[in-house]
Amino acid sequence: MAVRELGPADAYRALAADAQAVYLDVRTEAEFAAGHPAGAYNVPVLVLEPGTGRPKLNPDFVRTVERHVARTTLLVVGCQSGVRSMRACDLLEAAGFANLVNVRGGFGGAHDHTGRLVEPGWEAVGLPVERGQPAGRCFADLAGTGA
């Protein structure tokens, strides 16, 4: 089954229409803390290697999501622009998640190869945003590494 793609406003409507739906923000913890869709959960699909700072696939990504979200739940997946979230959707689909939506434009908007904005992001279209690391929805808590 192909992963559906929706722009931010349509993704927001899909979340509002399903009380069990979850917005999964797959950006880094720092990006998430700086601003994210209100109510979002954070499980980064990529983490930075200690020492080099290079991004690598989060080895606990799927396992962490599986611990907190049923495979049949509507899972709306977003990142900064929609690229990392599509990678996350591919991983989740391979793990058996069946109701996935990738947010085109993500939180910050998608740009073409010239830098022109082609899809405004969640924040730019005026959808609800929160900041910080909310208890129970931040990666440290979801991964079980919180203090």
C-alpha atoms as a PDB file:
ATOM      1  CA  MET A   1       0.000   0.000   0.000  1.00  0.00           C
ATOM      2  CA  ALA A   2       1.414   3.388  -0.966  1.00  0.00           C
ATOM      3  CA  VAL A   3       1.959   6.047   1.676  1.00  0.00           C
ATOM      4  CA  ARG A   4      -0.507   8.904   1.281  1.00  0.00           C
ATOM      5  CA  GLU A   5       0.810  12.449   1.122  1.00  0.00           C
ATOM      6  CA  LEU A   6      -1.065  15.505   2.370  1.00  0.00           C
ATOM      7  CA  GLY A   7      -0.151  19.151   2.729  1.00  0.00           C
ATOM      8  CA  PRO A   8      -0.104  20.554   6.271  1.00  0.00           C
ATOM      9  CA  ALA A   9      -3.672  21.908   6.273  1.00  0.00           C
ATOM     10  CA  ASP A  10      -5.123  18.601   5.030  1.00  0.00           C
ATOM     11  CA  ALA A  11      -2.951  16.681   7.512  1.00  0.00           C
ATOM     12  CA  TYR A  12      -4.320  18.868  10.312  1.00  0.00           C
ATOM     13  CA  ARG A  13      -7.890  18.106   9.187  1.00  0.00           C
ATOM     14  CA  ALA A  14      -7.126  14.368   9.092  1.00  0.00           C
ATOM     15  CA  LEU A  15      -5.787  14.533  12.662  1.00  0.00           C
ATOM     16  CA  ALA A  16      -8.835  16.493  13.825  1.00  0.00           C
ATOM     17  CA  ALA A  17     -11.186  13.950  12.264  1.00  0.00           C
ATOM     18  CA  ASP A  18      -9.646  10.959  14.094  1.00  0.00           C
ATOM     19  CA  ALA A  19      -9.278  11.217  17.883  1.00  0.00           C
ATOM     20  CA  GLN A  20      -6.835   8.278  17.898  1.00  0.00           C
ATOM     21  CA  ALA A  21      -4.552   9.731  15.194  1.00  0.00           C
ATOM     22  CA  VAL A  22      -0.968  10.638  16.097  1.00  0.00           C
ATOM     23  CA  TYR A  23       1.347  13.259  14.612  1.00  0.00           C
ATOM     24  CA  LEU A  24       4.872  11.837  14.631  1.00  0.00           C
ATOM     25  CA  ASP A  25       7.624  14.431  14.233  1.00  0.00           C
ATOM     26  CA  VAL A  26      10.773  12.654  13.030  1.00  0.00           C
ATOM     27  CA  ARG A  27      13.138  15.635  13.249  1.00  0.00           C
ATOM     28  CA  THR A  28      15.986  15.881  15.742  1.00  0.00           C
ATOM     29  CA  GLU A  29      15.272  16.648  19.380  1.00  0.00           C
ATOM     30  CA  ALA A  30      16.658  20.190  18.932  1.00  0.00           C
ATOM     31  CA  GLU A  31      14.445  20.871  15.908  1.00  0.00           C
ATOM     32  CA  PHE A  32      11.426  19.513  17.784  1.00  0.00           C
ATOM     33  CA  ALA A  33      12.145  21.680  20.845  1.00  0.00           C
ATOM     34  CA  ALA A  34      12.406  24.802  18.677  1.00  0.00           C
ATOM     35  CA  GLY A  35       8.835  24.300  17.448  1.00  0.00           C
ATOM     36  CA  HIS A  36       6.523  21.488  16.397  1.00  0.00           C
ATOM     37  CA  PRO A  37       2.860  20.809  15.661  1.00  0.00           C
ATOM     38  CA  ALA A  38       0.843  20.980  18.880  1.00  0.00           C
ATOM     39  CA  GLY A  39       0.376  17.505  20.340  1.00  0.00           C
ATOM     40  CA  ALA A  40       3.151  15.906  18.269  1.00  0.00           C
ATOM     41  CA  TYR A  41       5.313  13.021  19.446  1.00  0.00           C
ATOM     42  CA  ASN A  42       9.046  13.090  18.651  1.00  0.00           C
ATOM     43  CA  VAL A  43      11.005  10.067  17.502  1.00  0.00           C
ATOM     44  CA  PRO A  44      13.905  11.159  15.278  1.00  0.00           C
ATOM     45  CA  VAL A  45      14.441   8.964  12.221  1.00  0.00           C
ATOM     46  CA  LEU A  46      18.054  10.190  12.095  1.00  0.00           C
ATOM     47  CA  VAL A  47      20.424  10.837  14.971  1.00  0.00           C
ATOM     48  CA  LEU A  48      23.794  12.560  14.945  1.00  0.00           C
ATOM     49  CA  GLU A  49      26.889  10.421  15.450  1.00  0.00           C
ATOM     50  CA  PRO A  50      28.841  11.489  18.525  1.00  0.00           C
ATOM     51  CA  GLY A  51      32.136  13.057  17.547  1.00  0.00           C
ATOM     52  CA  THR A  52      31.443  13.558  13.834  1.00  0.00           C
ATOM     53  CA  GLY A  53      27.962  15.066  14.011  1.00  0.00           C
ATOM     54  CA  ARG A  54      27.018  13.129  10.872  1.00  0.00           C
ATOM     55  CA  PRO A  55      23.435  11.959  10.598  1.00  0.00           C
ATOM     56  CA  LYS A  56      22.760   8.222  10.735  1.00  0.00           C
ATOM     57  CA  LEU A  57      19.611   6.145  10.901  1.00  0.00           C
ATOM     58  CA  ASN A  58      18.239   5.941  14.451  1.00  0.00           C
ATOM     59  CA  PRO A  59      18.626   2.219  15.234  1.00  0.00           C
ATOM     60  CA  ASP A  60      15.718   2.437  17.723  1.00  0.00           C
ATOM     61  CA  PHE A  61      13.335   4.365  15.473  1.00  0.00           C
ATOM     62  CA  VAL A  62      10.852   1.637  14.540  1.00  0.00           C
ATOM     63  CA  ARG A  63      11.113  -0.100  17.918  1.00  0.00           C
ATOM     64  CA  THR A  64      10.320   3.156  19.763  1.00  0.00           C
ATOM     65  CA  VAL A  65       7.318   3.925  17.560  1.00  0.00           C
ATOM     66  CA  GLU A  66       6.042   0.342  17.952  1.00  0.00           C
ATOM     67  CA  ARG A  67       6.089   0.695  21.755  1.00  0.00           C
ATOM     68  CA  HIS A  68       3.752   3.696  21.666  1.00  0.00           C
ATOM     69  CA  VAL A  69       1.570   3.472  18.546  1.00  0.00           C
ATOM     70  CA  ALA A  70      -0.618   0.606  17.279  1.00  0.00           C
ATOM     71  CA  ARG A  71       0.099  -0.438  13.695  1.00  0.00           C
ATOM     72  CA  THR A  72      -3.487   0.429  12.664  1.00  0.00           C
ATOM     73  CA  THR A  73      -3.437   3.980  14.105  1.00  0.00           C
ATOM     74  CA  LEU A  74      -3.534   6.861  11.639  1.00  0.00           C
ATOM     75  CA  LEU A  75       0.061   8.028  11.857  1.00  0.00           C
ATOM     76  CA  VAL A  76       0.716  11.455  10.328  1.00  0.00           C
ATOM     77  CA  VAL A  77       4.484  11.731   9.879  1.00  0.00           C
ATOM     78  CA  GLY A  78       6.285  15.043   9.442  1.00  0.00           C
ATOM     79  CA  CYS A  79       9.778  16.518   9.442  1.00  0.00           C
ATOM     80  CA  GLN A  80      11.145  19.885   8.309  1.00  0.00           C
ATOM     81  CA  SER A  81      10.315  19.605   4.606  1.00  0.00           C
ATOM     82  CA  GLY A  82       8.825  16.170   3.953  1.00  0.00           C
ATOM     83  CA  VAL A  83      11.961  14.255   2.943  1.00  0.00           C
ATOM     84  CA  ARG A  84      12.986  12.581   6.225  1.00  0.00           C
ATOM     85  CA  SER A  85       9.344  11.870   6.987  1.00  0.00           C
ATOM     86  CA  MET A  86       8.942   9.949   3.726  1.00  0.00           C
ATOM     87  CA  ARG A  87      11.980   7.850   4.684  1.00  0.00           C
ATOM     88  CA  ALA A  88      10.371   7.278   8.092  1.00  0.00           C
ATOM     89  CA  CYS A  89       7.089   6.251   6.414  1.00  0.00           C
ATOM     90  CA  ASP A  90       8.969   3.714   4.283  1.00  0.00           C
ATOM     91  CA  LEU A  91      10.555   2.198   7.410  1.00  0.00           C
ATOM     92  CA  LEU A  92       7.232   2.107   9.267  1.00  0.00           C
ATOM     93  CA  GLU A  93       5.393   0.616   6.301  1.00  0.00           C
ATOM     94  CA  ALA A  94       8.015  -2.143   6.082  1.00  0.00           C
ATOM     95  CA  ALA A  95       7.416  -2.809   9.804  1.00  0.00           C
ATOM     96  CA  GLY A  96       3.678  -3.304   9.220  1.00  0.00           C
ATOM     97  CA  PHE A  97       2.173   0.122   9.915  1.00  0.00           C
ATOM     98  CA  ALA A  98      -0.791   0.372   7.572  1.00  0.00           C
ATOM     99  CA  ASN A  99      -2.269   3.860   7.951  1.00  0.00           C
ATOM    100  CA  LEU A 100       0.529   6.309   7.155  1.00  0.00           C
ATOM    101  CA  VAL A 101       0.428   9.884   5.884  1.00  0.00           C
ATOM    102  CA  ASN A 102       3.528  11.854   4.936  1.00  0.00           C
ATOM    103  CA  VAL A 103       3.198  15.621   5.453  1.00  0.00           C
ATOM    104  CA  ARG A 104       4.349  17.361   2.252  1.00  0.00           C
ATOM    105  CA  GLY A 105       6.151  20.521   3.244  1.00  0.00           C
ATOM    106  CA  GLY A 106       6.597  19.320   6.832  1.00  0.00           C
ATOM    107  CA  PHE A 107       7.006  21.935   9.525  1.00  0.00           C
ATOM    108  CA  GLY A 108       9.188  24.415   7.657  1.00  0.00           C
ATOM    109  CA  GLY A 109       8.135  24.080   4.019  1.00  0.00           C
ATOM    110  CA  ALA A 110       9.456  22.343   0.913  1.00  0.00           C
ATOM    111  CA  HIS A 111      11.629  24.064  -1.678  1.00  0.00           C
ATOM    112  CA  ASP A 112      12.586  23.107  -5.220  1.00  0.00           C
ATOM    113  CA  HIS A 113      16.175  22.851  -6.491  1.00  0.00           C
ATOM    114  CA  THR A 114      16.300  26.639  -7.018  1.00  0.00           C
ATOM    115  CA  GLY A 115      15.244  27.373  -3.445  1.00  0.00           C
ATOM    116  CA  ARG A 116      11.718  28.466  -4.413  1.00  0.00           C
ATOM    117  CA  LEU A 117       9.056  27.526  -1.864  1.00  0.00           C
ATOM    118  CA  VAL A 118       6.770  24.903  -3.400  1.00  0.00           C
ATOM    119  CA  GLU A 119       4.786  23.835  -0.316  1.00  0.00           C
ATOM    120  CA  PRO A 120       4.406  26.027   2.776  1.00  0.00           C
ATOM    121  CA  GLY A 121       5.027  24.220   6.046  1.00  0.00           C
ATOM    122  CA  TRP A 122       2.857  23.670   9.118  1.00  0.00           C
ATOM    123  CA  GLU A 123       3.988  26.843  10.873  1.00  0.00           C
ATOM    124  CA  ALA A 124       3.700  29.082   7.796  1.00  0.00           C
ATOM    125  CA  VAL A 125       0.078  28.131   7.176  1.00  0.00           C
ATOM    126  CA  GLY A 126      -0.812  29.112  10.739  1.00  0.00           C
ATOM    127  CA  LEU A 127      -1.529  25.721  12.269  1.00  0.00           C
ATOM    128  CA  PRO A 128      -1.153  25.197  16.056  1.00  0.00           C
ATOM    129  CA  VAL A 129       2.470  25.075  17.231  1.00  0.00           C
ATOM    130  CA  GLU A 130       4.120  24.422  20.571  1.00  0.00           C
ATOM    131  CA  ARG A 131       7.729  24.599  21.711  1.00  0.00           C
ATOM    132  CA  GLY A 132       9.886  22.643  24.122  1.00  0.00           C
ATOM    133  CA  GLN A 133      10.047  18.984  25.061  1.00  0.00           C
ATOM    134  CA  PRO A 134       6.578  18.006  26.356  1.00  0.00           C
ATOM    135  CA  ALA A 135       6.584  15.244  28.958  1.00  0.00           C
ATOM    136  CA  GLY A 136       5.485  11.910  27.563  1.00  0.00           C
ATOM    137  CA  ARG A 137       5.850  13.057  23.944  1.00  0.00           C
ATOM    138  CA  CYS A 138       9.541  13.968  23.737  1.00  0.00           C
ATOM    139  CA  PHE A 139      12.071  11.438  22.472  1.00  0.00           C
ATOM    140  CA  ALA A 140      13.842  11.071  25.831  1.00  0.00           C
ATOM    141  CA  ASP A 141      10.570   9.946  27.430  1.00  0.00           C
ATOM    142  CA  LEU A 142       9.415   7.779  24.527  1.00  0.00           C
ATOM    143  CA  ALA A 143      12.807   6.061  24.245  1.00  0.00           C
ATOM    144  CA  GLY A 144      12.940   5.569  28.002  1.00  0.00           C
ATOM    145  CA  THR A 145      16.055   7.687  28.429  1.00  0.00           C
ATOM    146  CA  GLY A 146      14.412  10.633  30.216  1.00  0.00           C
ATOM    147  CA  ALA A 147      15.666  11.800  33.584  1.00  0.00           C
END
